[in-house]
Amino acid sequence: MHLIESIGPILGIVAFIGLATLAFLLFQQARDIRRLREWAGRAPERAEAAAEEAARRSSPSPIVIAVTILTSLSEPALPEIGVAGPLDSQVERLARLAQAAGLDGVVASPHEIGIIRRRCGSSFVIVTPGIRDAASRDDQSRTMTAADAIAAGATYLVVGRPILAAPDPREAAERIARSCDATRAT
């Protein structure tokens, strides 16, 4: 009982500091979200300014992309986050909005590459996460192999776990690169 009495005030101070820190972080997050919304509203102007700066520096222009629907989400999960309608329609709508805003492309699941290509054309950049081995099952709902994503029309692949979780990451990366090269060659 003596130990509890002696550390009680200290725990109270620690809890207060923790709550104050949490409130500060939430305030910062809200401010950052507001900044992101302001930035997104001016995305075409910012993309143009970035391209001008890149040209001034003789560097390639940065690629400005938007995120569609996360690969960890499946269609049944959409109503839970307030999204109505079929998943592929939402991805198509978001890609169309990104293109209309002057962005270079989107981040999208490999399952929606075809929809985006048909709607936005071959020069629209598609960054594709959710790259997995054929037998892999994890928290990502909409995945595909690297070779299949390249064949579907992905511009860039995001490959993390198949390399990082492999017993030999270098061999895994080389195997994935070979499969992509073989797909491009056909």
N, C-alpha and C. Protein backbone atom coordinates (compact mmCIF):
# COMPACT_ATOMS: atom_id res chain seq x y z
N MET A 1 0.82 -1.19 0.00
CA MET A 1 0.00 0.00 0.00
C MET A 1 0.87 1.25 0.00
N HIS A 2 2.00 1.21 0.72
CA HIS A 2 2.89 2.37 0.81
C HIS A 2 3.44 2.73 -0.57
N LEU A 3 3.77 1.71 -1.38
CA LEU A 3 4.30 1.95 -2.73
C LEU A 3 3.26 2.65 -3.59
N ILE A 4 2.02 2.20 -3.52
CA ILE A 4 0.94 2.81 -4.31
C ILE A 4 0.75 4.27 -3.91
N GLU A 5 0.77 4.54 -2.59
CA GLU A 5 0.61 5.92 -2.12
C GLU A 5 1.74 6.81 -2.60
N SER A 6 2.94 6.26 -2.67
CA SER A 6 4.08 7.10 -3.05
C SER A 6 4.16 7.33 -4.56
N ILE A 7 3.70 6.39 -5.37
CA ILE A 7 3.79 6.60 -6.82
C ILE A 7 2.50 7.14 -7.42
N GLY A 8 1.43 7.18 -6.64
CA GLY A 8 0.15 7.69 -7.13
C GLY A 8 0.25 9.08 -7.72
N PRO A 9 0.83 10.06 -6.99
CA PRO A 9 0.95 11.42 -7.56
C PRO A 9 1.81 11.45 -8.82
N ILE A 10 2.84 10.63 -8.84
CA ILE A 10 3.71 10.59 -10.02
C ILE A 10 2.94 10.07 -11.22
N LEU A 11 2.16 9.02 -11.01
CA LEU A 11 1.35 8.47 -12.11
C LEU A 11 0.33 9.49 -12.58
N GLY A 12 -0.24 10.26 -11.67
CA GLY A 12 -1.18 11.31 -12.05
C GLY A 12 -0.52 12.35 -12.94
N ILE A 13 0.70 12.74 -12.59
CA ILE A 13 1.43 13.72 -13.40
C ILE A 13 1.75 13.13 -14.77
N VAL A 14 2.19 11.88 -14.79
CA VAL A 14 2.51 11.21 -16.06
C VAL A 14 1.26 11.13 -16.93
N ALA A 15 0.12 10.78 -16.33
CA ALA A 15 -1.13 10.69 -17.10
C ALA A 15 -1.51 12.05 -17.65
N PHE A 16 -1.36 13.11 -16.83
CA PHE A 16 -1.68 14.46 -17.30
C PHE A 16 -0.78 14.85 -18.47
N ILE A 17 0.52 14.58 -18.34
CA ILE A 17 1.45 14.91 -19.43
C ILE A 17 1.08 14.12 -20.68
N GLY A 18 0.72 12.85 -20.50
CA GLY A 18 0.31 12.03 -21.65
C GLY A 18 -0.92 12.58 -22.34
N LEU A 19 -1.91 12.98 -21.56
CA LEU A 19 -3.13 13.55 -22.15
C LEU A 19 -2.85 14.88 -22.83
N ALA A 20 -2.01 15.70 -22.22
CA ALA A 20 -1.66 16.98 -22.84
C ALA A 20 -0.92 16.75 -24.15
N THR A 21 -0.03 15.78 -24.17
CA THR A 21 0.70 15.45 -25.40
C THR A 21 -0.26 14.95 -26.47
N LEU A 22 -1.19 14.08 -26.08
CA LEU A 22 -2.17 13.56 -27.03
C LEU A 22 -3.02 14.69 -27.59
N ALA A 23 -3.47 15.61 -26.73
CA ALA A 23 -4.27 16.75 -27.21
C ALA A 23 -3.46 17.59 -28.19
N PHE A 24 -2.18 17.82 -27.88
CA PHE A 24 -1.32 18.59 -28.77
C PHE A 24 -1.17 17.88 -30.12
N LEU A 25 -0.95 16.56 -30.08
CA LEU A 25 -0.78 15.80 -31.32
C LEU A 25 -2.06 15.82 -32.15
N LEU A 26 -3.23 15.70 -31.49
CA LEU A 26 -4.49 15.76 -32.23
C LEU A 26 -4.68 17.14 -32.85
N PHE A 27 -4.31 18.20 -32.12
CA PHE A 27 -4.39 19.55 -32.68
C PHE A 27 -3.47 19.67 -33.88
N GLN A 28 -2.25 19.16 -33.76
CA GLN A 28 -1.29 19.20 -34.87
C GLN A 28 -1.83 18.42 -36.07
N GLN A 29 -2.43 17.24 -35.80
CA GLN A 29 -2.97 16.43 -36.88
C GLN A 29 -4.10 17.17 -37.59
N ALA A 30 -4.98 17.80 -36.84
CA ALA A 30 -6.07 18.56 -37.46
C ALA A 30 -5.51 19.69 -38.30
N ARG A 31 -4.49 20.37 -37.81
CA ARG A 31 -3.87 21.45 -38.57
C ARG A 31 -3.21 20.91 -39.84
N ASP A 32 -2.56 19.74 -39.72
CA ASP A 32 -1.92 19.13 -40.89
C ASP A 32 -2.97 18.70 -41.92
N ILE A 33 -4.12 18.18 -41.46
CA ILE A 33 -5.18 17.78 -42.39
C ILE A 33 -5.70 19.02 -43.11
N ARG A 34 -5.88 20.11 -42.36
CA ARG A 34 -6.33 21.35 -42.98
C ARG A 34 -5.32 21.83 -44.02
N ARG A 35 -4.04 21.74 -43.71
CA ARG A 35 -3.00 22.12 -44.67
C ARG A 35 -3.05 21.23 -45.90
N LEU A 36 -3.25 19.91 -45.68
CA LEU A 36 -3.32 18.98 -46.80
C LEU A 36 -4.50 19.33 -47.70
N ARG A 37 -5.65 19.65 -47.10
CA ARG A 37 -6.81 20.03 -47.90
C ARG A 37 -6.52 21.30 -48.71
N GLU A 38 -5.87 22.28 -48.07
CA GLU A 38 -5.52 23.50 -48.78
C GLU A 38 -4.55 23.18 -49.92
N TRP A 39 -3.57 22.31 -49.62
CA TRP A 39 -2.59 21.95 -50.65
C TRP A 39 -3.27 21.22 -51.79
N ALA A 40 -4.15 20.27 -51.48
CA ALA A 40 -4.81 19.49 -52.53
C ALA A 40 -5.68 20.38 -53.41
N GLY A 41 -6.29 21.39 -52.83
CA GLY A 41 -7.10 22.31 -53.61
C GLY A 41 -6.29 23.09 -54.62
N ARG A 42 -5.01 23.25 -54.34
CA ARG A 42 -4.12 23.97 -55.25
C ARG A 42 -3.14 23.03 -55.94
N ALA A 43 -3.47 21.75 -56.03
CA ALA A 43 -2.56 20.76 -56.60
C ALA A 43 -2.10 21.10 -58.01
N PRO A 44 -2.98 21.51 -58.91
CA PRO A 44 -2.50 21.82 -60.26
C PRO A 44 -1.47 22.95 -60.27
N GLU A 45 -1.72 24.00 -59.48
CA GLU A 45 -0.77 25.11 -59.44
C GLU A 45 0.55 24.67 -58.83
N ARG A 46 0.48 23.86 -57.79
CA ARG A 46 1.71 23.38 -57.15
C ARG A 46 2.47 22.44 -58.07
N ALA A 47 1.77 21.60 -58.80
CA ALA A 47 2.43 20.70 -59.74
C ALA A 47 3.14 21.51 -60.83
N GLU A 48 2.49 22.57 -61.31
CA GLU A 48 3.10 23.42 -62.32
C GLU A 48 4.32 24.13 -61.76
N ALA A 49 4.22 24.62 -60.53
CA ALA A 49 5.36 25.29 -59.90
C ALA A 49 6.52 24.31 -59.70
N ALA A 50 6.21 23.08 -59.31
CA ALA A 50 7.26 22.06 -59.13
C ALA A 50 7.92 21.73 -60.45
N ALA A 51 7.12 21.67 -61.52
CA ALA A 51 7.69 21.39 -62.85
C ALA A 51 8.60 22.53 -63.30
N GLU A 52 8.18 23.77 -63.03
CA GLU A 52 9.01 24.93 -63.39
C GLU A 52 10.32 24.92 -62.61
N GLU A 53 10.24 24.59 -61.32
CA GLU A 53 11.45 24.53 -60.50
C GLU A 53 12.36 23.40 -60.98
N ALA A 54 11.79 22.28 -61.33
CA ALA A 54 12.59 21.16 -61.84
C ALA A 54 13.28 21.55 -63.14
N ALA A 55 12.55 22.25 -64.02
CA ALA A 55 13.15 22.69 -65.28
C ALA A 55 14.28 23.68 -65.01
N ARG A 56 14.08 24.56 -64.04
CA ARG A 56 15.11 25.53 -63.70
C ARG A 56 16.38 24.83 -63.22
N ARG A 57 16.19 23.74 -62.51
CA ARG A 57 17.33 22.98 -61.97
C ARG A 57 17.82 21.91 -62.94
N SER A 58 17.21 21.83 -64.10
CA SER A 58 17.53 20.78 -65.08
C SER A 58 17.33 19.39 -64.49
N SER A 59 16.27 19.24 -63.73
CA SER A 59 15.92 17.96 -63.12
C SER A 59 14.59 17.49 -63.70
N PRO A 60 14.34 16.20 -63.63
CA PRO A 60 13.02 15.73 -64.06
C PRO A 60 11.93 16.30 -63.15
N SER A 61 10.78 16.55 -63.72
CA SER A 61 9.65 17.04 -62.91
C SER A 61 9.21 15.96 -61.95
N PRO A 62 8.80 16.35 -60.74
CA PRO A 62 8.27 15.34 -59.82
C PRO A 62 6.94 14.81 -60.34
N ILE A 63 6.63 13.60 -59.98
CA ILE A 63 5.36 12.99 -60.34
C ILE A 63 4.41 13.24 -59.18
N VAL A 64 3.27 13.85 -59.45
CA VAL A 64 2.30 14.16 -58.42
C VAL A 64 1.14 13.18 -58.57
N ILE A 65 0.89 12.42 -57.49
CA ILE A 65 -0.12 11.37 -57.54
C ILE A 65 -1.08 11.49 -56.35
N ALA A 66 -2.23 10.88 -56.49
CA ALA A 66 -3.24 10.81 -55.43
C ALA A 66 -3.47 9.34 -55.08
N VAL A 67 -4.01 9.10 -53.92
CA VAL A 67 -4.32 7.74 -53.48
C VAL A 67 -5.80 7.47 -53.76
N THR A 68 -6.10 6.28 -54.28
CA THR A 68 -7.50 5.90 -54.51
C THR A 68 -8.00 5.16 -53.27
N ILE A 69 -8.23 3.87 -53.36
CA ILE A 69 -8.71 3.06 -52.24
C ILE A 69 -7.58 2.14 -51.80
N LEU A 70 -7.29 2.11 -50.52
CA LEU A 70 -6.19 1.30 -50.00
C LEU A 70 -6.36 -0.17 -50.34
N THR A 71 -5.25 -0.85 -50.58
CA THR A 71 -5.31 -2.27 -50.93
C THR A 71 -5.78 -3.13 -49.76
N SER A 72 -5.74 -2.61 -48.56
CA SER A 72 -6.21 -3.38 -47.41
C SER A 72 -7.72 -3.37 -47.29
N LEU A 73 -8.39 -2.52 -48.06
CA LEU A 73 -9.85 -2.46 -48.01
C LEU A 73 -10.48 -3.34 -49.07
N SER A 74 -11.53 -4.00 -48.67
CA SER A 74 -12.32 -4.79 -49.62
C SER A 74 -13.66 -4.10 -49.80
N GLU A 75 -14.40 -4.52 -50.80
CA GLU A 75 -15.69 -3.89 -51.08
C GLU A 75 -16.65 -3.91 -49.88
N PRO A 76 -16.75 -5.02 -49.15
CA PRO A 76 -17.66 -5.01 -47.99
C PRO A 76 -17.28 -3.99 -46.91
N ALA A 77 -16.03 -3.57 -46.87
CA ALA A 77 -15.59 -2.61 -45.85
C ALA A 77 -15.93 -1.17 -46.21
N LEU A 78 -16.23 -0.90 -47.46
CA LEU A 78 -16.48 0.49 -47.88
C LEU A 78 -17.62 1.18 -47.15
N PRO A 79 -18.79 0.54 -46.97
CA PRO A 79 -19.86 1.22 -46.23
C PRO A 79 -19.46 1.58 -44.80
N GLU A 80 -18.56 0.79 -44.21
CA GLU A 80 -18.11 1.07 -42.84
C GLU A 80 -17.36 2.39 -42.75
N ILE A 81 -16.76 2.84 -43.86
CA ILE A 81 -16.03 4.11 -43.85
C ILE A 81 -16.79 5.21 -44.60
N GLY A 82 -18.06 4.93 -44.90
CA GLY A 82 -18.91 5.94 -45.50
C GLY A 82 -18.83 6.05 -47.00
N VAL A 83 -18.31 5.03 -47.66
CA VAL A 83 -18.20 5.05 -49.12
C VAL A 83 -19.31 4.16 -49.69
N ALA A 84 -20.13 4.74 -50.55
CA ALA A 84 -21.23 3.99 -51.15
C ALA A 84 -20.88 3.63 -52.59
N GLY A 85 -21.37 2.50 -53.03
CA GLY A 85 -21.15 2.09 -54.41
C GLY A 85 -20.04 1.08 -54.54
N PRO A 86 -19.93 0.49 -55.72
CA PRO A 86 -18.91 -0.53 -55.96
C PRO A 86 -17.48 0.04 -55.86
N LEU A 87 -16.59 -0.77 -55.38
CA LEU A 87 -15.20 -0.37 -55.20
C LEU A 87 -14.57 0.11 -56.50
N ASP A 88 -14.75 -0.65 -57.57
CA ASP A 88 -14.12 -0.26 -58.83
C ASP A 88 -14.65 1.08 -59.34
N SER A 89 -15.93 1.37 -59.08
CA SER A 89 -16.49 2.67 -59.48
C SER A 89 -15.86 3.81 -58.68
N GLN A 90 -15.61 3.55 -57.39
CA GLN A 90 -14.97 4.57 -56.56
C GLN A 90 -13.55 4.84 -57.04
N VAL A 91 -12.81 3.78 -57.35
CA VAL A 91 -11.44 3.95 -57.82
C VAL A 91 -11.43 4.72 -59.14
N GLU A 92 -12.32 4.35 -60.05
CA GLU A 92 -12.41 5.05 -61.33
C GLU A 92 -12.74 6.53 -61.12
N ARG A 93 -13.69 6.81 -60.23
CA ARG A 93 -14.07 8.20 -59.95
C ARG A 93 -12.89 8.99 -59.39
N LEU A 94 -12.16 8.39 -58.44
CA LEU A 94 -11.03 9.08 -57.84
C LEU A 94 -9.90 9.30 -58.84
N ALA A 95 -9.66 8.32 -59.70
CA ALA A 95 -8.63 8.48 -60.74
C ALA A 95 -9.03 9.58 -61.72
N ARG A 96 -10.29 9.61 -62.09
CA ARG A 96 -10.79 10.64 -63.00
C ARG A 96 -10.64 12.03 -62.37
N LEU A 97 -10.95 12.15 -61.07
CA LEU A 97 -10.79 13.42 -60.37
C LEU A 97 -9.32 13.85 -60.30
N ALA A 98 -8.44 12.89 -60.04
CA ALA A 98 -7.01 13.20 -59.99
C ALA A 98 -6.52 13.69 -61.34
N GLN A 99 -6.95 13.03 -62.39
CA GLN A 99 -6.54 13.44 -63.74
C GLN A 99 -7.11 14.82 -64.08
N ALA A 100 -8.36 15.06 -63.73
CA ALA A 100 -8.99 16.36 -64.00
C ALA A 100 -8.30 17.48 -63.22
N ALA A 101 -7.74 17.15 -62.06
CA ALA A 101 -7.04 18.14 -61.24
C ALA A 101 -5.62 18.39 -61.75
N GLY A 102 -5.22 17.65 -62.78
CA GLY A 102 -3.89 17.86 -63.34
C GLY A 102 -2.80 17.03 -62.72
N LEU A 103 -3.17 16.04 -61.90
CA LEU A 103 -2.16 15.18 -61.31
C LEU A 103 -1.66 14.19 -62.35
N ASP A 104 -0.49 13.63 -62.09
CA ASP A 104 0.14 12.71 -63.04
C ASP A 104 -0.40 11.29 -62.94
N GLY A 105 -0.98 10.93 -61.79
CA GLY A 105 -1.44 9.56 -61.65
C GLY A 105 -2.01 9.29 -60.28
N VAL A 106 -2.13 8.00 -59.98
CA VAL A 106 -2.73 7.56 -58.72
C VAL A 106 -1.99 6.35 -58.16
N VAL A 107 -2.22 6.12 -56.88
CA VAL A 107 -1.85 4.86 -56.24
C VAL A 107 -3.11 4.02 -56.23
N ALA A 108 -3.01 2.82 -56.77
CA ALA A 108 -4.21 1.97 -56.85
C ALA A 108 -3.82 0.50 -56.79
N SER A 109 -4.75 -0.28 -56.30
CA SER A 109 -4.59 -1.73 -56.25
C SER A 109 -4.36 -2.29 -57.65
N PRO A 110 -3.63 -3.39 -57.75
CA PRO A 110 -3.44 -3.99 -59.07
C PRO A 110 -4.74 -4.44 -59.72
N HIS A 111 -5.77 -4.67 -58.93
CA HIS A 111 -7.05 -5.13 -59.49
C HIS A 111 -7.77 -4.04 -60.28
N GLU A 112 -7.43 -2.78 -60.03
CA GLU A 112 -8.10 -1.68 -60.72
C GLU A 112 -7.27 -1.06 -61.84
N ILE A 113 -6.14 -1.63 -62.15
CA ILE A 113 -5.27 -1.06 -63.19
C ILE A 113 -6.01 -0.95 -64.52
N GLY A 114 -6.69 -2.01 -64.92
CA GLY A 114 -7.40 -2.01 -66.21
C GLY A 114 -8.44 -0.91 -66.30
N ILE A 115 -9.21 -0.74 -65.24
CA ILE A 115 -10.24 0.30 -65.21
C ILE A 115 -9.60 1.67 -65.38
N ILE A 116 -8.51 1.89 -64.65
CA ILE A 116 -7.85 3.20 -64.71
C ILE A 116 -7.22 3.43 -66.09
N ARG A 117 -6.60 2.41 -66.64
CA ARG A 117 -5.98 2.54 -67.97
C ARG A 117 -7.03 2.91 -69.02
N ARG A 118 -8.17 2.20 -68.98
CA ARG A 118 -9.23 2.49 -69.96
C ARG A 118 -9.77 3.91 -69.80
N ARG A 119 -9.89 4.37 -68.59
CA ARG A 119 -10.48 5.69 -68.33
C ARG A 119 -9.48 6.83 -68.50
N CYS A 120 -8.24 6.61 -68.07
CA CYS A 120 -7.28 7.72 -67.99
C CYS A 120 -6.15 7.65 -69.02
N GLY A 121 -6.03 6.55 -69.73
CA GLY A 121 -5.03 6.46 -70.79
C GLY A 121 -3.70 5.88 -70.35
N SER A 122 -2.87 5.63 -71.35
CA SER A 122 -1.60 4.94 -71.10
C SER A 122 -0.53 5.81 -70.46
N SER A 123 -0.64 7.13 -70.56
CA SER A 123 0.39 7.98 -69.97
C SER A 123 0.11 8.31 -68.50
N PHE A 124 -1.07 7.98 -68.02
CA PHE A 124 -1.42 8.23 -66.62
C PHE A 124 -0.66 7.25 -65.74
N VAL A 125 0.05 7.74 -64.74
CA VAL A 125 0.90 6.91 -63.88
C VAL A 125 0.04 6.13 -62.89
N ILE A 126 0.33 4.84 -62.77
CA ILE A 126 -0.34 4.01 -61.77
C ILE A 126 0.73 3.36 -60.91
N VAL A 127 0.79 3.78 -59.65
CA VAL A 127 1.69 3.20 -58.66
C VAL A 127 0.91 2.11 -57.95
N THR A 128 1.45 0.91 -57.97
CA THR A 128 0.69 -0.25 -57.52
C THR A 128 1.31 -0.95 -56.32
N PRO A 129 0.71 -0.75 -55.13
CA PRO A 129 1.12 -1.55 -53.97
C PRO A 129 0.39 -2.88 -53.98
N GLY A 130 0.53 -3.64 -52.93
CA GLY A 130 -0.19 -4.92 -52.85
C GLY A 130 0.44 -5.99 -53.71
N ILE A 131 1.72 -5.88 -53.95
CA ILE A 131 2.42 -6.89 -54.74
C ILE A 131 2.82 -8.02 -53.81
N ARG A 132 2.38 -9.22 -54.13
CA ARG A 132 2.63 -10.39 -53.30
C ARG A 132 2.99 -11.58 -54.18
N ASP A 133 3.53 -12.62 -53.54
CA ASP A 133 3.73 -13.89 -54.22
C ASP A 133 2.36 -14.50 -54.44
N ALA A 134 2.26 -15.41 -55.38
CA ALA A 134 0.97 -16.02 -55.71
C ALA A 134 0.33 -16.71 -54.51
N ALA A 135 1.13 -17.32 -53.65
CA ALA A 135 0.59 -18.08 -52.51
C ALA A 135 0.43 -17.23 -51.25
N SER A 136 0.86 -16.00 -51.26
CA SER A 136 0.87 -15.15 -50.07
C SER A 136 -0.54 -14.71 -49.68
N ARG A 137 -0.83 -14.76 -48.38
CA ARG A 137 -2.10 -14.28 -47.84
C ARG A 137 -1.77 -13.46 -46.59
N ASP A 138 -2.25 -12.22 -46.54
CA ASP A 138 -2.03 -11.38 -45.37
C ASP A 138 -3.17 -10.38 -45.25
N ASP A 139 -2.91 -9.22 -44.68
CA ASP A 139 -3.96 -8.23 -44.43
C ASP A 139 -4.37 -7.45 -45.66
N GLN A 140 -3.70 -7.63 -46.76
CA GLN A 140 -4.05 -6.91 -47.98
C GLN A 140 -5.12 -7.69 -48.75
N SER A 141 -6.19 -7.00 -49.15
CA SER A 141 -7.32 -7.67 -49.79
C SER A 141 -7.16 -7.82 -51.29
N ARG A 142 -6.58 -6.82 -51.94
CA ARG A 142 -6.53 -6.81 -53.40
C ARG A 142 -5.08 -6.81 -53.85
N THR A 143 -4.52 -8.01 -53.98
CA THR A 143 -3.10 -8.15 -54.32
C THR A 143 -2.94 -8.86 -55.65
N MET A 144 -1.70 -8.86 -56.13
CA MET A 144 -1.38 -9.50 -57.40
C MET A 144 0.14 -9.74 -57.41
N THR A 145 0.59 -10.66 -58.24
CA THR A 145 2.03 -10.84 -58.39
C THR A 145 2.60 -9.66 -59.18
N ALA A 146 3.89 -9.45 -59.04
CA ALA A 146 4.55 -8.36 -59.75
C ALA A 146 4.38 -8.51 -61.26
N ALA A 147 4.60 -9.71 -61.76
CA ALA A 147 4.49 -9.94 -63.20
C ALA A 147 3.07 -9.67 -63.70
N ASP A 148 2.07 -10.10 -62.94
CA ASP A 148 0.68 -9.86 -63.35
C ASP A 148 0.33 -8.37 -63.33
N ALA A 149 0.86 -7.64 -62.33
CA ALA A 149 0.60 -6.20 -62.26
C ALA A 149 1.26 -5.47 -63.43
N ILE A 150 2.46 -5.88 -63.80
CA ILE A 150 3.13 -5.28 -64.97
C ILE A 150 2.33 -5.59 -66.23
N ALA A 151 1.89 -6.84 -66.36
CA ALA A 151 1.09 -7.23 -67.53
C ALA A 151 -0.22 -6.44 -67.60
N ALA A 152 -0.79 -6.10 -66.44
CA ALA A 152 -2.04 -5.35 -66.40
C ALA A 152 -1.84 -3.88 -66.74
N GLY A 153 -0.59 -3.39 -66.64
CA GLY A 153 -0.32 -2.00 -67.01
C GLY A 153 0.18 -1.09 -65.91
N ALA A 154 0.65 -1.64 -64.80
CA ALA A 154 1.19 -0.81 -63.73
C ALA A 154 2.42 -0.05 -64.23
N THR A 155 2.58 1.19 -63.78
CA THR A 155 3.76 1.98 -64.12
C THR A 155 4.88 1.70 -63.14
N TYR A 156 4.56 1.74 -61.85
CA TYR A 156 5.52 1.47 -60.79
C TYR A 156 4.91 0.48 -59.82
N LEU A 157 5.75 -0.37 -59.23
CA LEU A 157 5.30 -1.34 -58.24
C LEU A 157 5.87 -0.96 -56.87
N VAL A 158 5.06 -1.19 -55.85
CA VAL A 158 5.52 -1.05 -54.47
C VAL A 158 5.64 -2.46 -53.92
N VAL A 159 6.86 -2.90 -53.70
CA VAL A 159 7.10 -4.27 -53.25
C VAL A 159 7.84 -4.20 -51.92
N GLY A 160 7.17 -4.59 -50.86
CA GLY A 160 7.78 -4.54 -49.55
C GLY A 160 7.92 -5.91 -48.93
N ARG A 161 6.83 -6.43 -48.43
CA ARG A 161 6.86 -7.69 -47.68
C ARG A 161 7.46 -8.87 -48.42
N PRO A 162 7.16 -9.06 -49.72
CA PRO A 162 7.76 -10.23 -50.38
C PRO A 162 9.29 -10.20 -50.38
N ILE A 163 9.85 -9.02 -50.24
CA ILE A 163 11.31 -8.92 -50.17
C ILE A 163 11.77 -8.91 -48.72
N LEU A 164 11.19 -8.05 -47.91
CA LEU A 164 11.64 -7.89 -46.53
C LEU A 164 11.40 -9.12 -45.68
N ALA A 165 10.33 -9.86 -45.95
CA ALA A 165 10.02 -11.05 -45.15
C ALA A 165 10.67 -12.32 -45.69
N ALA A 166 11.34 -12.23 -46.81
CA ALA A 166 11.97 -13.41 -47.42
C ALA A 166 13.21 -13.81 -46.64
N PRO A 167 13.51 -15.10 -46.62
CA PRO A 167 14.74 -15.55 -45.96
C PRO A 167 15.99 -14.93 -46.61
N ASP A 168 15.93 -14.74 -47.92
CA ASP A 168 17.03 -14.11 -48.65
C ASP A 168 16.45 -12.94 -49.45
N PRO A 169 16.39 -11.75 -48.85
CA PRO A 169 15.77 -10.60 -49.52
C PRO A 169 16.36 -10.27 -50.88
N ARG A 170 17.66 -10.39 -51.02
CA ARG A 170 18.28 -10.10 -52.31
C ARG A 170 17.78 -11.05 -53.39
N GLU A 171 17.74 -12.33 -53.07
CA GLU A 171 17.27 -13.33 -54.03
C GLU A 171 15.81 -13.08 -54.37
N ALA A 172 15.01 -12.72 -53.37
CA ALA A 172 13.59 -12.44 -53.61
C ALA A 172 13.44 -11.25 -54.55
N ALA A 173 14.21 -10.18 -54.32
CA ALA A 173 14.14 -9.00 -55.18
C ALA A 173 14.57 -9.34 -56.60
N GLU A 174 15.62 -10.11 -56.74
CA GLU A 174 16.10 -10.49 -58.07
C GLU A 174 15.08 -11.37 -58.79
N ARG A 175 14.43 -12.28 -58.06
CA ARG A 175 13.40 -13.15 -58.66
C ARG A 175 12.23 -12.32 -59.15
N ILE A 176 11.80 -11.35 -58.35
CA ILE A 176 10.69 -10.48 -58.74
C ILE A 176 11.08 -9.66 -59.97
N ALA A 177 12.30 -9.12 -59.97
CA ALA A 177 12.76 -8.33 -61.12
C ALA A 177 12.81 -9.19 -62.39
N ARG A 178 13.28 -10.43 -62.26
CA ARG A 178 13.32 -11.33 -63.43
C ARG A 178 11.91 -11.61 -63.96
N SER A 179 10.96 -11.79 -63.05
CA SER A 179 9.59 -12.07 -63.50
C SER A 179 9.01 -10.86 -64.22
N CYS A 180 9.34 -9.65 -63.75
CA CYS A 180 8.86 -8.43 -64.42
C CYS A 180 9.52 -8.28 -65.78
N ASP A 181 10.83 -8.53 -65.83
CA ASP A 181 11.54 -8.45 -67.12
C ASP A 181 10.97 -9.43 -68.14
N ALA A 182 10.69 -10.65 -67.68
CA ALA A 182 10.12 -11.67 -68.58
C ALA A 182 8.75 -11.24 -69.09
N THR A 183 7.97 -10.62 -68.24
CA THR A 183 6.63 -10.15 -68.65
C THR A 183 6.76 -9.02 -69.66
N ARG A 184 7.66 -8.09 -69.43
CA ARG A 184 7.87 -6.98 -70.37
C ARG A 184 8.36 -7.47 -71.72
N ALA A 185 9.12 -8.55 -71.72
CA ALA A 185 9.71 -9.09 -72.96
C ALA A 185 8.65 -9.75 -73.85
N THR A 186 7.52 -10.14 -73.26
CA THR A 186 6.50 -10.83 -74.07
C THR A 186 5.52 -9.86 -74.69
